[in-house]
Amino acid sequence: MNEHRGTAPLTVYLDVDGVVTTVGYQRQAGKDKLNPAQVAIVAGLVREFDAKVVVSSTWRVDDCRPTLVEAGLPETCFHPDWRTAILPTSKDATTGGMLSAERAGRGDEIAEHATRNRITDYLVLDDVEVGPVHRGRHVRPRADFGLSEADRGLARTLLAGMVDLRRAMDRNGS
C-alpha cells in the first residue's frame, strides 16, 4: 500500500516534444534523443509522489516506453493503460494522419483517458494549451527549452497539493 492509503496513484500525463526534449537538443544530440536532465525531473516527480505516467504525446503512436526508460524513467512507472487514445478529433479528416499538437484535441484525449480510467488526481506536462478543464493541473514548459527547474517546482507544488487534499479527506472520512 502506498502513502495514498490504497487510493489510485497520482498520474502524470506526459508530452515528450517540448517537455523532455526540444528541437535544439535533438539537433545537438540526435533525432529522437531525450534530454537526460529533463527526463530526470519527471523521474524525480514520479518517484517522489509514487505517480504513474501516461504518454499523451504523438510518441504514443509507437511503444515509446523503452525509449523513455532508457532515458531515465523508472521501468515500473507506467499506468496499465499507458497512453491516451487518439480521438477522431485529433486526426486530419482528409488524410487520417495525426494533427499537430497545437491543433489536436490533446486536452480532450487526456480528459477521455482520465474519465475512462477513473483518474481524478493528475498532472499534465505539456507545452501546448490543453484547455480549461485541466486548469490547476497543467504545467506548460516553453517548447524551445523544455521542462525547467521552475516547471519542476510548480509540478511538485501541484502534486503535493493533491496529496495534502487526499490526506485531509482521509482525516475527515470523506
N, C-alpha and C. Protein backbone atom coordinates (compact mmCIF):
# COMPACT_ATOMS: atom_id res chain seq x y z
N MET A 1 0.85 -1.18 0.00
CA MET A 1 0.00 0.00 0.00
C MET A 1 0.90 1.24 0.00
N ASN A 2 0.57 2.22 -0.82
CA ASN A 2 1.38 3.43 -0.87
C ASN A 2 0.89 4.45 0.14
N GLU A 3 1.52 5.60 0.14
CA GLU A 3 1.16 6.62 1.12
C GLU A 3 -0.23 7.19 0.88
N HIS A 4 -0.85 6.83 -0.23
CA HIS A 4 -2.18 7.36 -0.55
C HIS A 4 -3.27 6.44 -0.02
N ARG A 5 -2.91 5.53 0.89
CA ARG A 5 -3.84 4.67 1.61
C ARG A 5 -4.74 3.88 0.69
N GLY A 6 -4.14 3.29 -0.33
CA GLY A 6 -4.89 2.41 -1.19
C GLY A 6 -5.65 3.10 -2.31
N THR A 7 -5.66 4.41 -2.35
CA THR A 7 -6.35 5.10 -3.43
C THR A 7 -5.51 5.00 -4.69
N ALA A 8 -6.14 5.32 -5.81
CA ALA A 8 -5.41 5.28 -7.08
C ALA A 8 -4.20 6.19 -7.02
N PRO A 9 -3.13 5.78 -7.68
CA PRO A 9 -1.93 6.63 -7.65
C PRO A 9 -2.15 7.94 -8.41
N LEU A 10 -1.35 8.91 -8.07
CA LEU A 10 -1.33 10.13 -8.86
C LEU A 10 -0.87 9.77 -10.27
N THR A 11 -1.32 10.53 -11.24
CA THR A 11 -0.98 10.25 -12.63
C THR A 11 -0.35 11.49 -13.25
N VAL A 12 0.68 11.27 -14.06
CA VAL A 12 1.32 12.34 -14.81
C VAL A 12 1.09 12.06 -16.29
N TYR A 13 0.36 12.95 -16.95
CA TYR A 13 0.18 12.88 -18.40
C TYR A 13 1.38 13.58 -19.03
N LEU A 14 2.17 12.83 -19.78
CA LEU A 14 3.45 13.32 -20.27
C LEU A 14 3.46 13.50 -21.78
N ASP A 15 3.69 14.74 -22.19
CA ASP A 15 4.03 15.03 -23.58
C ASP A 15 5.55 14.88 -23.66
N VAL A 16 6.08 14.61 -24.84
CA VAL A 16 7.52 14.41 -24.99
C VAL A 16 8.18 15.64 -25.62
N ASP A 17 7.82 15.95 -26.87
CA ASP A 17 8.44 17.08 -27.58
C ASP A 17 8.05 18.39 -26.90
N GLY A 18 9.06 19.17 -26.57
CA GLY A 18 8.83 20.44 -25.89
C GLY A 18 8.77 20.31 -24.38
N VAL A 19 8.84 19.07 -23.87
CA VAL A 19 8.82 18.84 -22.42
C VAL A 19 10.11 18.15 -21.99
N VAL A 20 10.38 16.95 -22.51
CA VAL A 20 11.62 16.25 -22.16
C VAL A 20 12.61 16.19 -23.31
N THR A 21 12.30 16.85 -24.39
CA THR A 21 13.25 17.07 -25.47
C THR A 21 12.80 18.30 -26.26
N THR A 22 13.73 18.86 -26.99
CA THR A 22 13.43 20.04 -27.81
C THR A 22 14.10 19.86 -29.16
N VAL A 23 13.68 20.65 -30.11
CA VAL A 23 14.31 20.62 -31.44
C VAL A 23 15.79 20.93 -31.30
N GLY A 24 16.12 21.93 -30.50
CA GLY A 24 17.53 22.31 -30.29
C GLY A 24 18.34 21.18 -29.69
N TYR A 25 17.79 20.50 -28.69
CA TYR A 25 18.51 19.39 -28.08
C TYR A 25 18.73 18.27 -29.09
N GLN A 26 17.70 17.97 -29.87
CA GLN A 26 17.83 16.89 -30.86
C GLN A 26 18.81 17.26 -31.97
N ARG A 27 18.88 18.54 -32.30
CA ARG A 27 19.86 18.99 -33.29
C ARG A 27 21.27 18.68 -32.80
N GLN A 28 21.47 18.85 -31.52
CA GLN A 28 22.78 18.64 -30.90
C GLN A 28 23.05 17.15 -30.62
N ALA A 29 22.04 16.43 -30.07
CA ALA A 29 22.26 15.06 -29.60
C ALA A 29 21.82 13.98 -30.59
N GLY A 30 20.94 14.32 -31.49
CA GLY A 30 20.43 13.34 -32.44
C GLY A 30 18.92 13.24 -32.40
N LYS A 31 18.34 12.87 -33.54
CA LYS A 31 16.88 12.77 -33.65
C LYS A 31 16.33 11.80 -32.62
N ASP A 32 15.24 12.19 -32.02
CA ASP A 32 14.51 11.39 -31.03
C ASP A 32 15.31 11.14 -29.76
N LYS A 33 16.33 11.94 -29.50
CA LYS A 33 17.08 11.82 -28.25
C LYS A 33 16.39 12.69 -27.20
N LEU A 34 16.27 12.14 -26.01
CA LEU A 34 15.62 12.83 -24.91
C LEU A 34 16.68 13.46 -24.01
N ASN A 35 16.38 14.63 -23.50
CA ASN A 35 17.32 15.35 -22.65
C ASN A 35 17.33 14.71 -21.26
N PRO A 36 18.46 14.13 -20.86
CA PRO A 36 18.52 13.43 -19.57
C PRO A 36 18.17 14.33 -18.39
N ALA A 37 18.51 15.59 -18.44
CA ALA A 37 18.21 16.48 -17.32
C ALA A 37 16.70 16.68 -17.19
N GLN A 38 16.02 16.79 -18.31
CA GLN A 38 14.57 16.98 -18.26
C GLN A 38 13.85 15.68 -17.90
N VAL A 39 14.35 14.56 -18.40
CA VAL A 39 13.78 13.27 -18.02
C VAL A 39 13.98 13.05 -16.53
N ALA A 40 15.12 13.46 -16.00
CA ALA A 40 15.40 13.29 -14.56
C ALA A 40 14.39 14.07 -13.71
N ILE A 41 13.95 15.21 -14.19
CA ILE A 41 12.94 15.98 -13.47
C ILE A 41 11.65 15.16 -13.37
N VAL A 42 11.22 14.60 -14.49
CA VAL A 42 9.99 13.79 -14.49
C VAL A 42 10.18 12.56 -13.61
N ALA A 43 11.32 11.88 -13.76
CA ALA A 43 11.59 10.69 -12.96
C ALA A 43 11.58 11.01 -11.46
N GLY A 44 12.14 12.15 -11.09
CA GLY A 44 12.13 12.55 -9.68
C GLY A 44 10.72 12.77 -9.15
N LEU A 45 9.89 13.42 -9.95
CA LEU A 45 8.49 13.63 -9.54
C LEU A 45 7.75 12.30 -9.41
N VAL A 46 7.97 11.43 -10.37
CA VAL A 46 7.31 10.12 -10.36
C VAL A 46 7.70 9.34 -9.12
N ARG A 47 8.98 9.36 -8.80
CA ARG A 47 9.45 8.62 -7.61
C ARG A 47 8.95 9.27 -6.32
N GLU A 48 9.06 10.59 -6.24
CA GLU A 48 8.67 11.28 -5.01
C GLU A 48 7.19 11.09 -4.69
N PHE A 49 6.35 11.09 -5.72
CA PHE A 49 4.91 11.03 -5.49
C PHE A 49 4.31 9.67 -5.85
N ASP A 50 5.17 8.68 -6.13
CA ASP A 50 4.70 7.35 -6.46
C ASP A 50 3.64 7.43 -7.56
N ALA A 51 3.93 8.25 -8.57
CA ALA A 51 2.97 8.52 -9.65
C ALA A 51 3.14 7.56 -10.81
N LYS A 52 2.10 7.43 -11.57
CA LYS A 52 2.11 6.64 -12.80
C LYS A 52 2.11 7.58 -13.99
N VAL A 53 2.78 7.18 -15.06
CA VAL A 53 2.90 8.01 -16.26
C VAL A 53 1.97 7.47 -17.35
N VAL A 54 1.29 8.42 -17.99
CA VAL A 54 0.51 8.13 -19.19
C VAL A 54 1.07 9.03 -20.29
N VAL A 55 1.44 8.45 -21.40
CA VAL A 55 2.01 9.22 -22.50
C VAL A 55 0.87 9.83 -23.31
N SER A 56 0.89 11.15 -23.44
CA SER A 56 -0.14 11.86 -24.20
C SER A 56 0.44 12.50 -25.46
N SER A 57 1.69 12.22 -25.72
CA SER A 57 2.44 12.77 -26.84
C SER A 57 2.15 12.01 -28.13
N THR A 58 2.51 12.60 -29.25
CA THR A 58 2.44 11.87 -30.52
C THR A 58 3.38 10.66 -30.48
N TRP A 59 4.31 10.64 -29.56
CA TRP A 59 5.21 9.50 -29.40
C TRP A 59 4.45 8.23 -29.03
N ARG A 60 3.19 8.36 -28.60
CA ARG A 60 2.40 7.20 -28.17
C ARG A 60 1.97 6.32 -29.34
N VAL A 61 2.10 6.83 -30.57
CA VAL A 61 1.71 6.04 -31.74
C VAL A 61 2.48 4.72 -31.75
N ASP A 62 3.76 4.78 -31.44
CA ASP A 62 4.58 3.58 -31.27
C ASP A 62 4.83 3.40 -29.78
N ASP A 63 5.25 2.24 -29.38
CA ASP A 63 5.52 2.00 -27.97
C ASP A 63 6.84 2.69 -27.60
N CYS A 64 6.72 3.86 -27.01
CA CYS A 64 7.88 4.67 -26.66
C CYS A 64 8.39 4.38 -25.26
N ARG A 65 7.75 3.47 -24.54
CA ARG A 65 8.17 3.20 -23.16
C ARG A 65 9.63 2.77 -23.06
N PRO A 66 10.13 1.87 -23.91
CA PRO A 66 11.55 1.51 -23.78
C PRO A 66 12.48 2.71 -23.95
N THR A 67 12.15 3.62 -24.85
CA THR A 67 12.97 4.83 -25.05
C THR A 67 12.93 5.70 -23.81
N LEU A 68 11.75 5.85 -23.20
CA LEU A 68 11.62 6.67 -22.00
C LEU A 68 12.36 6.05 -20.82
N VAL A 69 12.31 4.73 -20.71
CA VAL A 69 13.03 4.04 -19.63
C VAL A 69 14.54 4.16 -19.86
N GLU A 70 14.98 3.96 -21.08
CA GLU A 70 16.41 4.10 -21.39
C GLU A 70 16.89 5.50 -21.06
N ALA A 71 16.02 6.48 -21.22
CA ALA A 71 16.38 7.87 -20.93
C ALA A 71 16.35 8.19 -19.44
N GLY A 72 15.74 7.31 -18.62
CA GLY A 72 15.80 7.53 -17.19
C GLY A 72 14.51 7.40 -16.41
N LEU A 73 13.37 7.18 -17.07
CA LEU A 73 12.14 6.97 -16.30
C LEU A 73 12.16 5.58 -15.68
N PRO A 74 11.58 5.44 -14.48
CA PRO A 74 11.54 4.11 -13.86
C PRO A 74 10.74 3.13 -14.72
N GLU A 75 11.23 1.93 -14.82
CA GLU A 75 10.60 0.92 -15.68
C GLU A 75 9.16 0.63 -15.28
N THR A 76 8.88 0.73 -13.99
CA THR A 76 7.55 0.38 -13.48
C THR A 76 6.61 1.59 -13.34
N CYS A 77 6.98 2.70 -13.93
CA CYS A 77 6.21 3.93 -13.70
C CYS A 77 4.97 4.07 -14.57
N PHE A 78 4.80 3.22 -15.55
CA PHE A 78 3.70 3.45 -16.50
C PHE A 78 2.38 2.90 -15.99
N HIS A 79 1.35 3.68 -16.20
CA HIS A 79 -0.02 3.28 -15.89
C HIS A 79 -0.35 2.04 -16.75
N PRO A 80 -1.17 1.12 -16.27
CA PRO A 80 -1.53 -0.04 -17.10
C PRO A 80 -2.10 0.36 -18.47
N ASP A 81 -2.88 1.43 -18.50
CA ASP A 81 -3.38 1.99 -19.76
C ASP A 81 -2.45 3.16 -20.06
N TRP A 82 -1.27 2.86 -20.59
CA TRP A 82 -0.11 3.76 -20.59
C TRP A 82 -0.17 4.91 -21.58
N ARG A 83 -1.15 4.96 -22.46
CA ARG A 83 -1.21 6.06 -23.43
C ARG A 83 -2.65 6.49 -23.65
N THR A 84 -2.80 7.76 -23.95
CA THR A 84 -4.13 8.28 -24.26
C THR A 84 -4.53 7.78 -25.64
N ALA A 85 -5.83 7.70 -25.84
CA ALA A 85 -6.36 7.29 -27.15
C ALA A 85 -6.23 8.45 -28.13
N ILE A 86 -6.11 8.11 -29.39
CA ILE A 86 -6.12 9.14 -30.44
C ILE A 86 -7.56 9.26 -30.90
N LEU A 87 -8.21 10.31 -30.46
CA LEU A 87 -9.62 10.52 -30.78
C LEU A 87 -9.78 10.97 -32.23
N PRO A 88 -10.94 10.74 -32.80
CA PRO A 88 -11.19 11.18 -34.18
C PRO A 88 -10.93 12.68 -34.39
N THR A 89 -11.17 13.48 -33.37
CA THR A 89 -10.94 14.93 -33.49
C THR A 89 -9.46 15.28 -33.54
N SER A 90 -8.60 14.32 -33.28
CA SER A 90 -7.15 14.55 -33.32
C SER A 90 -6.53 14.12 -34.64
N LYS A 91 -7.39 13.71 -35.58
CA LYS A 91 -6.89 13.27 -36.88
C LYS A 91 -7.39 14.20 -37.98
N ASP A 92 -6.59 14.34 -39.00
CA ASP A 92 -6.98 15.09 -40.18
C ASP A 92 -8.07 14.32 -40.91
N ALA A 93 -9.21 14.97 -41.12
CA ALA A 93 -10.36 14.29 -41.73
C ALA A 93 -10.06 13.81 -43.14
N THR A 94 -9.17 14.48 -43.84
CA THR A 94 -8.85 14.11 -45.22
C THR A 94 -7.82 12.99 -45.30
N THR A 95 -6.73 13.13 -44.57
CA THR A 95 -5.63 12.18 -44.69
C THR A 95 -5.67 11.07 -43.64
N GLY A 96 -6.34 11.31 -42.54
CA GLY A 96 -6.35 10.35 -41.44
C GLY A 96 -5.13 10.44 -40.56
N GLY A 97 -4.17 11.31 -40.94
CA GLY A 97 -2.96 11.49 -40.15
C GLY A 97 -3.23 12.32 -38.90
N MET A 98 -2.33 12.22 -37.95
CA MET A 98 -2.49 12.98 -36.71
C MET A 98 -2.27 14.46 -36.97
N LEU A 99 -3.09 15.26 -36.32
CA LEU A 99 -2.91 16.71 -36.38
C LEU A 99 -1.75 17.10 -35.47
N SER A 100 -1.21 18.28 -35.71
CA SER A 100 -0.15 18.79 -34.83
C SER A 100 -0.70 18.93 -33.42
N ALA A 101 0.18 18.91 -32.45
CA ALA A 101 -0.24 19.01 -31.05
C ALA A 101 -1.08 20.26 -30.80
N GLU A 102 -0.76 21.35 -31.48
CA GLU A 102 -1.49 22.60 -31.29
C GLU A 102 -2.92 22.49 -31.82
N ARG A 103 -3.14 21.66 -32.82
CA ARG A 103 -4.47 21.55 -33.43
C ARG A 103 -5.26 20.34 -32.93
N ALA A 104 -4.56 19.36 -32.42
CA ALA A 104 -5.24 18.15 -31.94
C ALA A 104 -5.94 18.44 -30.62
N GLY A 105 -6.85 17.62 -30.28
CA GLY A 105 -7.59 17.79 -29.02
C GLY A 105 -6.88 17.11 -27.87
N ARG A 106 -5.64 17.51 -27.60
CA ARG A 106 -4.85 16.86 -26.55
C ARG A 106 -5.58 16.89 -25.21
N GLY A 107 -6.16 18.02 -24.88
CA GLY A 107 -6.90 18.12 -23.62
C GLY A 107 -8.09 17.18 -23.58
N ASP A 108 -8.77 17.03 -24.72
CA ASP A 108 -9.90 16.10 -24.79
C ASP A 108 -9.42 14.66 -24.64
N GLU A 109 -8.27 14.34 -25.23
CA GLU A 109 -7.71 12.99 -25.12
C GLU A 109 -7.38 12.67 -23.66
N ILE A 110 -6.81 13.64 -22.97
CA ILE A 110 -6.47 13.45 -21.56
C ILE A 110 -7.74 13.29 -20.73
N ALA A 111 -8.73 14.13 -20.97
CA ALA A 111 -9.99 14.04 -20.23
C ALA A 111 -10.67 12.70 -20.46
N GLU A 112 -10.65 12.22 -21.70
CA GLU A 112 -11.26 10.93 -22.02
C GLU A 112 -10.53 9.81 -21.28
N HIS A 113 -9.22 9.85 -21.27
CA HIS A 113 -8.43 8.82 -20.58
C HIS A 113 -8.69 8.86 -19.08
N ALA A 114 -8.69 10.04 -18.50
CA ALA A 114 -8.92 10.18 -17.06
C ALA A 114 -10.30 9.66 -16.68
N THR A 115 -11.30 10.00 -17.47
CA THR A 115 -12.66 9.53 -17.20
C THR A 115 -12.75 8.02 -17.33
N ARG A 116 -12.23 7.49 -18.41
CA ARG A 116 -12.30 6.05 -18.67
C ARG A 116 -11.59 5.25 -17.58
N ASN A 117 -10.50 5.80 -17.04
CA ASN A 117 -9.72 5.10 -16.01
C ASN A 117 -10.02 5.57 -14.59
N ARG A 118 -11.02 6.42 -14.46
CA ARG A 118 -11.43 6.97 -13.14
C ARG A 118 -10.27 7.63 -12.41
N ILE A 119 -9.50 8.40 -13.17
CA ILE A 119 -8.37 9.13 -12.60
C ILE A 119 -8.85 10.53 -12.23
N THR A 120 -8.68 10.88 -10.97
CA THR A 120 -9.11 12.21 -10.52
C THR A 120 -7.94 13.11 -10.14
N ASP A 121 -6.84 12.51 -9.74
CA ASP A 121 -5.68 13.29 -9.31
C ASP A 121 -4.56 13.12 -10.32
N TYR A 122 -4.35 14.16 -11.12
CA TYR A 122 -3.37 14.06 -12.19
C TYR A 122 -2.73 15.42 -12.47
N LEU A 123 -1.59 15.32 -13.14
CA LEU A 123 -0.83 16.48 -13.59
C LEU A 123 -0.58 16.32 -15.07
N VAL A 124 -0.67 17.41 -15.81
CA VAL A 124 -0.39 17.39 -17.24
C VAL A 124 0.92 18.16 -17.47
N LEU A 125 1.89 17.51 -18.09
CA LEU A 125 3.13 18.16 -18.50
C LEU A 125 3.09 18.26 -20.02
N ASP A 126 2.77 19.43 -20.53
CA ASP A 126 2.59 19.61 -21.97
C ASP A 126 2.89 21.04 -22.35
N ASP A 127 3.59 21.22 -23.47
CA ASP A 127 3.96 22.57 -23.90
C ASP A 127 2.87 23.27 -24.72
N VAL A 128 1.74 22.61 -24.94
CA VAL A 128 0.63 23.26 -25.63
C VAL A 128 -0.55 23.42 -24.67
N GLU A 129 -1.43 24.33 -25.01
CA GLU A 129 -2.62 24.56 -24.20
C GLU A 129 -3.50 23.31 -24.24
N VAL A 130 -3.98 22.89 -23.08
CA VAL A 130 -4.82 21.69 -23.01
C VAL A 130 -6.25 21.99 -22.56
N GLY A 131 -6.56 23.26 -22.36
CA GLY A 131 -7.93 23.63 -22.08
C GLY A 131 -8.22 23.88 -20.62
N PRO A 132 -9.32 24.58 -20.38
CA PRO A 132 -9.68 24.99 -19.02
C PRO A 132 -10.04 23.84 -18.08
N VAL A 133 -10.45 22.70 -18.62
CA VAL A 133 -10.80 21.57 -17.75
C VAL A 133 -9.59 21.09 -16.95
N HIS A 134 -8.38 21.39 -17.43
CA HIS A 134 -7.16 20.94 -16.76
C HIS A 134 -6.47 22.08 -15.98
N ARG A 135 -7.15 23.19 -15.83
CA ARG A 135 -6.58 24.32 -15.10
C ARG A 135 -6.23 23.88 -13.67
N GLY A 136 -5.08 24.30 -13.21
CA GLY A 136 -4.62 23.91 -11.88
C GLY A 136 -3.95 22.55 -11.85
N ARG A 137 -3.85 21.91 -13.02
CA ARG A 137 -3.22 20.60 -13.13
C ARG A 137 -2.20 20.59 -14.26
N HIS A 138 -2.01 21.72 -14.91
CA HIS A 138 -1.20 21.78 -16.13
C HIS A 138 0.06 22.60 -15.90
N VAL A 139 1.19 22.00 -16.18
CA VAL A 139 2.47 22.71 -16.21
C VAL A 139 2.86 22.79 -17.68
N ARG A 140 3.05 24.02 -18.15
CA ARG A 140 3.30 24.24 -19.58
C ARG A 140 4.70 24.82 -19.79
N PRO A 141 5.68 23.94 -20.03
CA PRO A 141 7.04 24.43 -20.30
C PRO A 141 7.09 25.17 -21.64
N ARG A 142 8.12 25.99 -21.79
CA ARG A 142 8.36 26.64 -23.08
C ARG A 142 8.98 25.61 -24.01
N ALA A 143 8.36 25.42 -25.17
CA ALA A 143 8.77 24.36 -26.11
C ALA A 143 10.23 24.47 -26.52
N ASP A 144 10.75 25.68 -26.60
CA ASP A 144 12.15 25.85 -27.01
C ASP A 144 13.14 25.38 -25.97
N PHE A 145 12.71 25.32 -24.70
CA PHE A 145 13.62 25.00 -23.61
C PHE A 145 13.29 23.70 -22.89
N GLY A 146 12.04 23.22 -23.03
CA GLY A 146 11.64 22.01 -22.33
C GLY A 146 11.42 22.26 -20.86
N LEU A 147 11.23 21.20 -20.13
CA LEU A 147 10.93 21.26 -18.71
C LEU A 147 12.09 21.89 -17.95
N SER A 148 11.79 22.90 -17.17
CA SER A 148 12.81 23.63 -16.42
C SER A 148 12.70 23.32 -14.92
N GLU A 149 13.66 23.80 -14.17
CA GLU A 149 13.61 23.66 -12.72
C GLU A 149 12.40 24.41 -12.15
N ALA A 150 12.06 25.55 -12.73
CA ALA A 150 10.86 26.28 -12.28
C ALA A 150 9.60 25.46 -12.55
N ASP A 151 9.56 24.79 -13.71
CA ASP A 151 8.42 23.92 -14.02
C ASP A 151 8.36 22.77 -13.03
N ARG A 152 9.53 22.22 -12.68
CA ARG A 152 9.58 21.15 -11.68
C ARG A 152 8.99 21.63 -10.37
N GLY A 153 9.34 22.84 -9.97
CA GLY A 153 8.82 23.39 -8.72
C GLY A 153 7.30 23.51 -8.75
N LEU A 154 6.77 24.00 -9.84
CA LEU A 154 5.31 24.13 -9.97
C LEU A 154 4.67 22.75 -9.97
N ALA A 155 5.23 21.81 -10.70
CA ALA A 155 4.68 20.45 -10.74
C ALA A 155 4.68 19.83 -9.35
N ARG A 156 5.77 20.01 -8.64
CA ARG A 156 5.87 19.47 -7.29
C ARG A 156 4.82 20.09 -6.37
N THR A 157 4.64 21.39 -6.48
CA THR A 157 3.62 22.08 -5.67
C THR A 157 2.22 21.55 -5.97
N LEU A 158 1.91 21.37 -7.25
CA LEU A 158 0.59 20.87 -7.63
C LEU A 158 0.37 19.44 -7.14
N LEU A 159 1.37 18.58 -7.31
CA LEU A 159 1.24 17.20 -6.84
C LEU A 159 1.13 17.14 -5.32
N ALA A 160 1.94 17.93 -4.62
CA ALA A 160 1.88 17.95 -3.15
C ALA A 160 0.51 18.42 -2.69
N GLY A 161 -0.08 19.37 -3.40
CA GLY A 161 -1.43 19.83 -3.06
C GLY A 161 -2.45 18.71 -3.19
N MET A 162 -2.29 17.86 -4.19
CA MET A 162 -3.20 16.73 -4.37
C MET A 162 -3.06 15.74 -3.21
N VAL A 163 -1.81 15.49 -2.80
CA VAL A 163 -1.57 14.59 -1.68
C VAL A 163 -2.16 15.18 -0.40
N ASP A 164 -1.96 16.47 -0.18
CA ASP A 164 -2.50 17.12 1.02
C ASP A 164 -4.02 17.05 1.04
N LEU A 165 -4.66 17.25 -0.10
CA LEU A 165 -6.11 17.18 -0.18
C LEU A 165 -6.59 15.77 0.14
N ARG A 166 -5.89 14.76 -0.38
CA ARG A 166 -6.25 13.37 -0.07
C ARG A 166 -6.16 13.10 1.42
N ARG A 167 -5.09 13.58 2.04
CA ARG A 167 -4.91 13.36 3.48
C ARG A 167 -6.01 14.04 4.28
N ALA A 168 -6.36 15.25 3.89
CA ALA A 168 -7.42 15.98 4.58
C ALA A 168 -8.75 15.24 4.43
N MET A 169 -9.00 14.71 3.24
CA MET A 169 -10.25 13.98 3.02
C MET A 169 -10.27 12.68 3.83
N ASP A 170 -9.09 12.02 3.92
CA ASP A 170 -8.99 10.79 4.73
C ASP A 170 -9.29 11.11 6.20
N ARG A 171 -8.74 12.21 6.69
CA ARG A 171 -8.96 12.60 8.11
C ARG A 171 -10.42 12.90 8.38
N ASN A 172 -11.08 13.48 7.40
CA ASN A 172 -12.47 13.85 7.58
C ASN A 172 -13.44 12.73 7.22
N GLY A 173 -12.89 11.60 6.80
CA GLY A 173 -13.73 10.46 6.47
C GLY A 173 -14.50 10.62 5.18
N SER A 174 -14.01 11.49 4.29
CA SER A 174 -14.71 11.68 3.01
C SER A 174 -14.31 10.64 2.02
